[in-house]
C-alpha atoms as a PDB file:
ATOM      1  CA  MET A   1     -31.964 -26.617  16.470  1.00  0.00           C
ATOM      2  CA  THR A   2     -29.637 -27.643  19.305  1.00  0.00           C
ATOM      3  CA  VAL A   3     -26.970 -25.250  18.081  1.00  0.00           C
ATOM      4  CA  LEU A   4     -29.453 -22.392  18.114  1.00  0.00           C
ATOM      5  CA  VAL A   5     -30.508 -23.161  21.691  1.00  0.00           C
ATOM      6  CA  ASP A   6     -26.852 -23.375  22.770  1.00  0.00           C
ATOM      7  CA  LEU A   7     -26.123 -20.044  21.125  1.00  0.00           C
ATOM      8  CA  ILE A   8     -29.068 -18.365  22.840  1.00  0.00           C
ATOM      9  CA  MET A   9     -28.018 -19.793  26.214  1.00  0.00           C
ATOM     10  CA  LEU A  10     -24.465 -18.548  25.708  1.00  0.00           C
ATOM     11  CA  LEU A  11     -25.667 -15.040  24.874  1.00  0.00           C
ATOM     12  CA  LEU A  12     -27.892 -14.983  27.941  1.00  0.00           C
ATOM     13  CA  GLU A  13     -25.037 -16.114  30.172  1.00  0.00           C
ATOM     14  CA  LEU A  14     -22.697 -13.461  28.824  1.00  0.00           C
ATOM     15  CA  SER A  15     -25.228 -10.684  29.320  1.00  0.00           C
ATOM     16  CA  ILE A  16     -26.017 -11.781  32.877  1.00  0.00           C
ATOM     17  CA  PHE A  17     -22.403 -12.055  34.012  1.00  0.00           C
ATOM     18  CA  LYS A  18     -21.134  -8.958  32.231  1.00  0.00           C
ATOM     19  CA  VAL A  19     -19.557  -6.496  34.637  1.00  0.00           C
ATOM     20  CA  GLN A  20     -20.889  -2.946  34.430  1.00  0.00           C
ATOM     21  CA  GLU A  21     -18.818   0.167  35.059  1.00  0.00           C
ATOM     22  CA  GLU A  22     -21.167   1.028  37.942  1.00  0.00           C
ATOM     23  CA  ASP A  23     -20.246  -2.262  39.636  1.00  0.00           C
ATOM     24  CA  ILE A  24     -16.552  -1.480  39.292  1.00  0.00           C
ATOM     25  CA  GLU A  25     -16.944   2.072  40.608  1.00  0.00           C
ATOM     26  CA  GLY A  26     -19.051   0.974  43.577  1.00  0.00           C
ATOM     27  CA  ASN A  27     -16.603  -1.756  44.524  1.00  0.00           C
ATOM     28  CA  LEU A  28     -13.661   0.639  44.178  1.00  0.00           C
ATOM     29  CA  LYS A  29     -15.350   3.060  46.599  1.00  0.00           C
ATOM     30  CA  GLU A  30     -15.775   0.260  49.123  1.00  0.00           C
ATOM     31  CA  LEU A  31     -12.253  -1.109  48.594  1.00  0.00           C
ATOM     32  CA  LYS A  32     -10.667   2.318  49.119  1.00  0.00           C
ATOM     33  CA  LYS A  33     -11.792   2.150  52.750  1.00  0.00           C
ATOM     34  CA  HIS A  34      -9.366  -0.720  53.450  1.00  0.00           C
ATOM     35  CA  THR A  35      -5.663  -0.294  54.111  1.00  0.00           C
ATOM     36  CA  TRP A  36      -4.525  -3.265  52.014  1.00  0.00           C
ATOM     37  CA  PHE A  37      -6.171  -1.702  48.939  1.00  0.00           C
ATOM     38  CA  GLN A  38      -4.752   1.732  49.752  1.00  0.00           C
ATOM     39  CA  ASP A  39      -1.307   0.092  49.735  1.00  0.00           C
ATOM     40  CA  TYR A  40      -2.009  -1.144  46.190  1.00  0.00           C
ATOM     41  CA  LEU A  41      -2.994   2.363  45.121  1.00  0.00           C
ATOM     42  CA  SER A  42       0.197   3.814  46.577  1.00  0.00           C
ATOM     43  CA  GLU A  43       2.305   1.604  44.270  1.00  0.00           C
ATOM     44  CA  GLU A  44       2.336   3.285  40.870  1.00  0.00           C
ATOM     45  CA  THR A  45       2.425   0.121  38.731  1.00  0.00           C
ATOM     46  CA  LYS A  46      -0.487  -1.475  40.572  1.00  0.00           C
ATOM     47  CA  ARG A  47      -2.383   1.817  40.531  1.00  0.00           C
ATOM     48  CA  GLN A  48      -2.033   2.048  36.751  1.00  0.00           C
ATOM     49  CA  GLN A  49      -3.238  -1.528  36.347  1.00  0.00           C
ATOM     50  CA  ILE A  50      -6.258  -0.890  38.573  1.00  0.00           C
ATOM     51  CA  ILE A  51      -7.156   2.206  36.562  1.00  0.00           C
ATOM     52  CA  HIS A  52      -6.457   0.989  33.020  1.00  0.00           C
ATOM     53  CA  ASP A  53      -6.274  -2.819  32.818  1.00  0.00           C
ATOM     54  CA  ALA A  54      -9.620  -4.283  31.706  1.00  0.00           C
ATOM     55  CA  LYS A  55      -8.880  -7.692  33.244  1.00  0.00           C
ATOM     56  CA  VAL A  56      -8.118  -6.212  36.670  1.00  0.00           C
ATOM     57  CA  ARG A  57     -11.194  -3.978  36.520  1.00  0.00           C
ATOM     58  CA  ARG A  58     -13.363  -6.973  35.599  1.00  0.00           C
ATOM     59  CA  VAL A  59     -12.063  -8.857  38.648  1.00  0.00           C
ATOM     60  CA  ILE A  60     -12.891  -5.865  40.867  1.00  0.00           C
ATOM     61  CA  GLY A  61     -16.351  -5.556  39.344  1.00  0.00           C
ATOM     62  CA  ARG A  62     -17.185  -9.184  40.113  1.00  0.00           C
ATOM     63  CA  PHE A  63     -16.658  -8.758  43.856  1.00  0.00           C
ATOM     64  CA  SER A  64     -19.828  -8.766  45.939  1.00  0.00           C
ATOM     65  CA  LYS A  65     -20.304  -5.239  47.252  1.00  0.00           C
ATOM     66  CA  ARG A  66     -22.370  -6.326  50.249  1.00  0.00           C
ATOM     67  CA  LYS A  67     -19.732  -8.878  51.314  1.00  0.00           C
ATOM     68  CA  LEU A  68     -16.775  -6.484  51.012  1.00  0.00           C
ATOM     69  CA  ARG A  69     -17.128  -5.421  54.638  1.00  0.00           C
ATOM     70  CA  LYS A  70     -16.439  -8.950  55.897  1.00  0.00           C
ATOM     71  CA  GLY A  71     -12.841  -9.724  56.794  1.00  0.00           C
ATOM     72  CA  SER A  72     -12.843 -13.230  55.379  1.00  0.00           C
ATOM     73  CA  TYR A  73     -14.207 -12.004  52.047  1.00  0.00           C
ATOM     74  CA  GLN A  74     -11.524  -9.316  51.929  1.00  0.00           C
ATOM     75  CA  VAL A  75      -8.868 -12.025  52.190  1.00  0.00           C
ATOM     76  CA  TYR A  76     -10.492 -13.770  49.211  1.00  0.00           C
ATOM     77  CA  CYS A  77     -10.646 -10.495  47.254  1.00  0.00           C
ATOM     78  CA  LYS A  78      -7.029  -9.672  48.034  1.00  0.00           C
ATOM     79  CA  LYS A  79      -5.899 -13.067  46.700  1.00  0.00           C
ATOM     80  CA  LYS A  80      -7.976 -12.662  43.522  1.00  0.00           C
ATOM     81  CA  LEU A  81      -6.660  -9.157  42.978  1.00  0.00           C
ATOM     82  CA  ASP A  82      -3.057 -10.279  43.606  1.00  0.00           C
ATOM     83  CA  ARG A  83      -3.403 -12.877  40.865  1.00  0.00           C
ATOM     84  CA  ALA A  84      -4.896 -10.361  38.448  1.00  0.00           C
ATOM     85  CA  LEU A  85      -2.151  -7.805  39.128  1.00  0.00           C
ATOM     86  CA  ARG A  86       0.658 -10.211  38.200  1.00  0.00           C
END
């Protein structure tokens, strides 16, 4: 019985935290307004990773869209994205 409950909880967690394509697209629109992200898009290797790499897109999708306008949150996002692009 405990295993069944654990399995159900795991499935619920995965469905709640799953990143949707709409989240990624919305965050990309917001990120394109900032110069540090435009610099990433101007570098071909980073641009290809942002477009095609599932891990990088997942990181972008997890950003909070409403916080993306704050400077301190952008610093956090830039660090997270730097790590994902390596």
